[in-house]
Each structure stands twice: as structure tokens, then as C-alpha cells.
Amino acid sequence: MSGGTLDWQIEDRDGARIVTPAGRVDEATATEFTELLIAEAGAARGKLVLDLSGIAYMSSRGLRALTLAQREGTRAGSTLLLARPNETMREILAISRYDMIFKVAATIDEALSA
């Protein structure tokens, strides 16, 4: 990650799309994060796994992006699953209660089999 951007890896595996951003989701990157995540949720036909292992921080704008992507995925027939949250992301998801809204898996394989 450099200069207010996120690094992205996108992979198709076992009929699912796995999106792995790395960096901070904050004022500088929230729009990029939202746009890519909504586009992927709309294009996915099945599971969309968001690998959170590389996210160092996520602001409320990033959490809003998760909600918008979930809504778009539901409309398009896909399911958004969160995977591999690091300790910081686990805490953010718990405080915001997003861990009650989304399926959160400890591993990518667990998310793929959900």
C-alpha cells in the first residue's frame, strides 16, 4: 500500500470470487473500496469472499461499504462473506456488531464451505 490507495488481489476459486484488499480503509481509500466492492458484489454469481487479513484499519465509511455491497449482492444473487479478520478487524466488527450481520469465517476455506 502506498499513498492513500489499497492494493487488491482478486481470485476465482471453487466457484467463488475472493477479494483481498490490503491497507487502510479510511477517508483516502473509502470511495475506491466501496466502488470495487459493490462492483464485485454485483458481478458475483454465488459467493463473494472478502479477505480482511490485509486490512489494518476500517473506518465507518468502510463498514458502510460492506452494507452497500451486501445489498448489491442480494440484488444480484450473490452472498458476501467476510474471512480472516485480523485482531484489529475482529474488534471493529465486534464493536460495530457487523459480526452479527455478516458471516465471518476464520479461513478462506471455511468461508467457501459456508
C-alpha atoms as a PDB file:
ATOM      1  CA  MET A   1       0.000   0.000   0.000  1.00  0.00           C
ATOM      2  CA  SER A   2       1.231   3.472  -0.776  1.00  0.00           C
ATOM      3  CA  GLY A   3      -0.119   6.999  -0.940  1.00  0.00           C
ATOM      4  CA  GLY A   4      -3.728   6.535   0.074  1.00  0.00           C
ATOM      5  CA  THR A   5      -4.562   3.594  -2.134  1.00  0.00           C
ATOM      6  CA  LEU A   6      -5.377  -0.011  -1.465  1.00  0.00           C
ATOM      7  CA  ASP A   7      -3.610  -2.932  -3.045  1.00  0.00           C
ATOM      8  CA  TRP A   8      -6.026  -5.538  -4.395  1.00  0.00           C
ATOM      9  CA  GLN A   9      -5.811  -9.205  -5.242  1.00  0.00           C
ATOM     10  CA  ILE A  10      -8.791 -10.875  -6.865  1.00  0.00           C
ATOM     11  CA  GLU A  11      -9.044 -14.606  -7.379  1.00  0.00           C
ATOM     12  CA  ASP A  12     -11.696 -17.066  -8.505  1.00  0.00           C
ATOM     13  CA  ARG A  13     -11.717 -20.328  -6.546  1.00  0.00           C
ATOM     14  CA  ASP A  14     -14.279 -23.117  -6.225  1.00  0.00           C
ATOM     15  CA  GLY A  15     -16.984 -21.061  -7.930  1.00  0.00           C
ATOM     16  CA  ALA A  16     -16.461 -18.085  -5.622  1.00  0.00           C
ATOM     17  CA  ARG A  17     -14.767 -14.741  -6.028  1.00  0.00           C
ATOM     18  CA  ILE A  18     -12.154 -13.870  -3.384  1.00  0.00           C
ATOM     19  CA  VAL A  19     -11.268 -10.206  -2.994  1.00  0.00           C
ATOM     20  CA  THR A  20      -8.246  -9.347  -0.865  1.00  0.00           C
ATOM     21  CA  PRO A  21      -7.572  -5.664  -0.236  1.00  0.00           C
ATOM     22  CA  ALA A  22      -4.526  -4.529   1.718  1.00  0.00           C
ATOM     23  CA  GLY A  23      -4.082  -1.249   3.540  1.00  0.00           C
ATOM     24  CA  ARG A  24      -6.332   1.114   5.467  1.00  0.00           C
ATOM     25  CA  VAL A  25      -9.946   1.833   4.600  1.00  0.00           C
ATOM     26  CA  ASP A  26     -10.260   5.462   5.633  1.00  0.00           C
ATOM     27  CA  GLU A  27     -11.161   8.847   4.105  1.00  0.00           C
ATOM     28  CA  ALA A  28      -8.465   8.478   1.456  1.00  0.00           C
ATOM     29  CA  THR A  29      -9.486   4.999   0.298  1.00  0.00           C
ATOM     30  CA  ALA A  30     -13.164   4.560   1.218  1.00  0.00           C
ATOM     31  CA  THR A  31     -14.517   5.567  -2.198  1.00  0.00           C
ATOM     32  CA  GLU A  32     -12.191   3.146  -4.001  1.00  0.00           C
ATOM     33  CA  PHE A  33     -13.050   0.377  -1.528  1.00  0.00           C
ATOM     34  CA  THR A  34     -16.792   0.989  -1.893  1.00  0.00           C
ATOM     35  CA  GLU A  35     -16.783   1.132  -5.687  1.00  0.00           C
ATOM     36  CA  LEU A  36     -14.726  -2.029  -6.164  1.00  0.00           C
ATOM     37  CA  LEU A  37     -16.627  -3.997  -3.551  1.00  0.00           C
ATOM     38  CA  ILE A  38     -20.047  -3.018  -4.941  1.00  0.00           C
ATOM     39  CA  ALA A  39     -18.908  -3.859  -8.484  1.00  0.00           C
ATOM     40  CA  GLU A  40     -17.649  -7.272  -7.379  1.00  0.00           C
ATOM     41  CA  ALA A  41     -20.843  -7.963  -5.397  1.00  0.00           C
ATOM     42  CA  GLY A  42     -22.944  -7.100  -8.429  1.00  0.00           C
ATOM     43  CA  ALA A  43     -20.873  -9.255 -10.770  1.00  0.00           C
ATOM     44  CA  ALA A  44     -20.505 -12.280  -8.494  1.00  0.00           C
ATOM     45  CA  ARG A  45     -22.918 -15.138  -9.028  1.00  0.00           C
ATOM     46  CA  GLY A  46     -22.566 -17.071  -5.827  1.00  0.00           C
ATOM     47  CA  LYS A  47     -20.147 -16.311  -3.033  1.00  0.00           C
ATOM     48  CA  LEU A  48     -18.050 -13.198  -2.736  1.00  0.00           C
ATOM     49  CA  VAL A  49     -15.421 -13.639  -0.027  1.00  0.00           C
ATOM     50  CA  LEU A  50     -13.794 -10.504   1.332  1.00  0.00           C
ATOM     51  CA  ASP A  51     -10.440 -11.494   2.830  1.00  0.00           C
ATOM     52  CA  LEU A  52      -9.823  -8.955   5.601  1.00  0.00           C
ATOM     53  CA  SER A  53      -6.395 -10.215   6.627  1.00  0.00           C
ATOM     54  CA  GLY A  54      -4.599  -7.283   4.984  1.00  0.00           C
ATOM     55  CA  ILE A  55      -6.836  -4.511   6.307  1.00  0.00           C
ATOM     56  CA  ALA A  56      -5.012  -2.577   9.015  1.00  0.00           C
ATOM     57  CA  TYR A  57      -7.970  -0.303   9.823  1.00  0.00           C
ATOM     58  CA  MET A  58     -11.528   0.318   8.614  1.00  0.00           C
ATOM     59  CA  SER A  59     -13.487   3.494   9.270  1.00  0.00           C
ATOM     60  CA  SER A  60     -17.260   3.781   9.399  1.00  0.00           C
ATOM     61  CA  ARG A  61     -17.184   4.534   5.667  1.00  0.00           C
ATOM     62  CA  GLY A  62     -15.654   1.113   5.092  1.00  0.00           C
ATOM     63  CA  LEU A  63     -18.365  -0.508   7.206  1.00  0.00           C
ATOM     64  CA  ARG A  64     -20.957   1.353   5.142  1.00  0.00           C
ATOM     65  CA  ALA A  65     -19.326  -0.111   2.017  1.00  0.00           C
ATOM     66  CA  LEU A  66     -19.879  -3.606   3.427  1.00  0.00           C
ATOM     67  CA  THR A  67     -23.572  -2.827   3.889  1.00  0.00           C
ATOM     68  CA  LEU A  68     -23.902  -1.418   0.364  1.00  0.00           C
ATOM     69  CA  ALA A  69     -22.044  -4.390  -1.132  1.00  0.00           C
ATOM     70  CA  GLN A  70     -24.272  -6.809   0.764  1.00  0.00           C
ATOM     71  CA  ARG A  71     -27.341  -5.029  -0.600  1.00  0.00           C
ATOM     72  CA  GLU A  72     -25.967  -5.128  -4.155  1.00  0.00           C
ATOM     73  CA  GLY A  73     -25.017  -8.773  -3.769  1.00  0.00           C
ATOM     74  CA  THR A  74     -28.500  -9.683  -2.576  1.00  0.00           C
ATOM     75  CA  ARG A  75     -29.970  -7.888  -5.589  1.00  0.00           C
ATOM     76  CA  ALA A  76     -27.569  -9.703  -7.943  1.00  0.00           C
ATOM     77  CA  GLY A  77     -27.874 -13.121  -6.296  1.00  0.00           C
ATOM     78  CA  SER A  78     -24.534 -13.273  -4.509  1.00  0.00           C
ATOM     79  CA  THR A  79     -23.597 -13.645  -0.865  1.00  0.00           C
ATOM     80  CA  LEU A  80     -20.902 -11.537   0.802  1.00  0.00           C
ATOM     81  CA  LEU A  81     -18.809 -13.396   3.366  1.00  0.00           C
ATOM     82  CA  LEU A  82     -16.004 -11.941   5.457  1.00  0.00           C
ATOM     83  CA  ALA A  83     -12.898 -14.026   6.058  1.00  0.00           C
ATOM     84  CA  ARG A  84      -9.649 -13.971   8.009  1.00  0.00           C
ATOM     85  CA  PRO A  85     -10.152 -10.785  10.006  1.00  0.00           C
ATOM     86  CA  ASN A  86      -7.030  -9.816  11.891  1.00  0.00           C
ATOM     87  CA  GLU A  87      -7.283  -8.784  15.534  1.00  0.00           C
ATOM     88  CA  THR A  88      -7.990  -5.128  14.676  1.00  0.00           C
ATOM     89  CA  MET A  89     -10.720  -6.050  12.226  1.00  0.00           C
ATOM     90  CA  ARG A  90     -12.261  -8.556  14.654  1.00  0.00           C
ATOM     91  CA  GLU A  91     -12.530  -5.754  17.200  1.00  0.00           C
ATOM     92  CA  ILE A  92     -14.017  -3.295  14.674  1.00  0.00           C
ATOM     93  CA  LEU A  93     -16.562  -5.888  13.531  1.00  0.00           C
ATOM     94  CA  ALA A  94     -17.499  -6.708  17.138  1.00  0.00           C
ATOM     95  CA  ILE A  95     -17.840  -3.081  18.271  1.00  0.00           C
ATOM     96  CA  SER A  96     -19.980  -2.222  15.244  1.00  0.00           C
ATOM     97  CA  ARG A  97     -21.887  -5.522  15.635  1.00  0.00           C
ATOM     98  CA  TYR A  98     -21.179  -6.297  11.993  1.00  0.00           C
ATOM     99  CA  ASP A  99     -20.090  -9.731  13.177  1.00  0.00           C
ATOM    100  CA  MET A 100     -23.801 -10.284  13.874  1.00  0.00           C
ATOM    101  CA  ILE A 101     -24.826  -9.124  10.371  1.00  0.00           C
ATOM    102  CA  PHE A 102     -22.235 -10.915   8.262  1.00  0.00           C
ATOM    103  CA  LYS A 103     -20.913 -14.453   8.280  1.00  0.00           C
ATOM    104  CA  VAL A 104     -17.325 -14.103   9.469  1.00  0.00           C
ATOM    105  CA  ALA A 105     -15.042 -17.061   8.772  1.00  0.00           C
ATOM    106  CA  ALA A 106     -11.642 -17.729  10.296  1.00  0.00           C
ATOM    107  CA  THR A 107     -10.259 -19.043   6.988  1.00  0.00           C
ATOM    108  CA  ILE A 108     -10.952 -18.753   3.276  1.00  0.00           C
ATOM    109  CA  ASP A 109     -11.804 -22.468   3.135  1.00  0.00           C
ATOM    110  CA  GLU A 110     -14.360 -22.015   5.916  1.00  0.00           C
ATOM    111  CA  ALA A 111     -15.944 -19.129   4.003  1.00  0.00           C
ATOM    112  CA  LEU A 112     -16.041 -21.170   0.796  1.00  0.00           C
ATOM    113  CA  SER A 113     -17.814 -24.030   2.554  1.00  0.00           C
ATOM    114  CA  ALA A 114     -20.345 -21.770   4.338  1.00  0.00           C
END
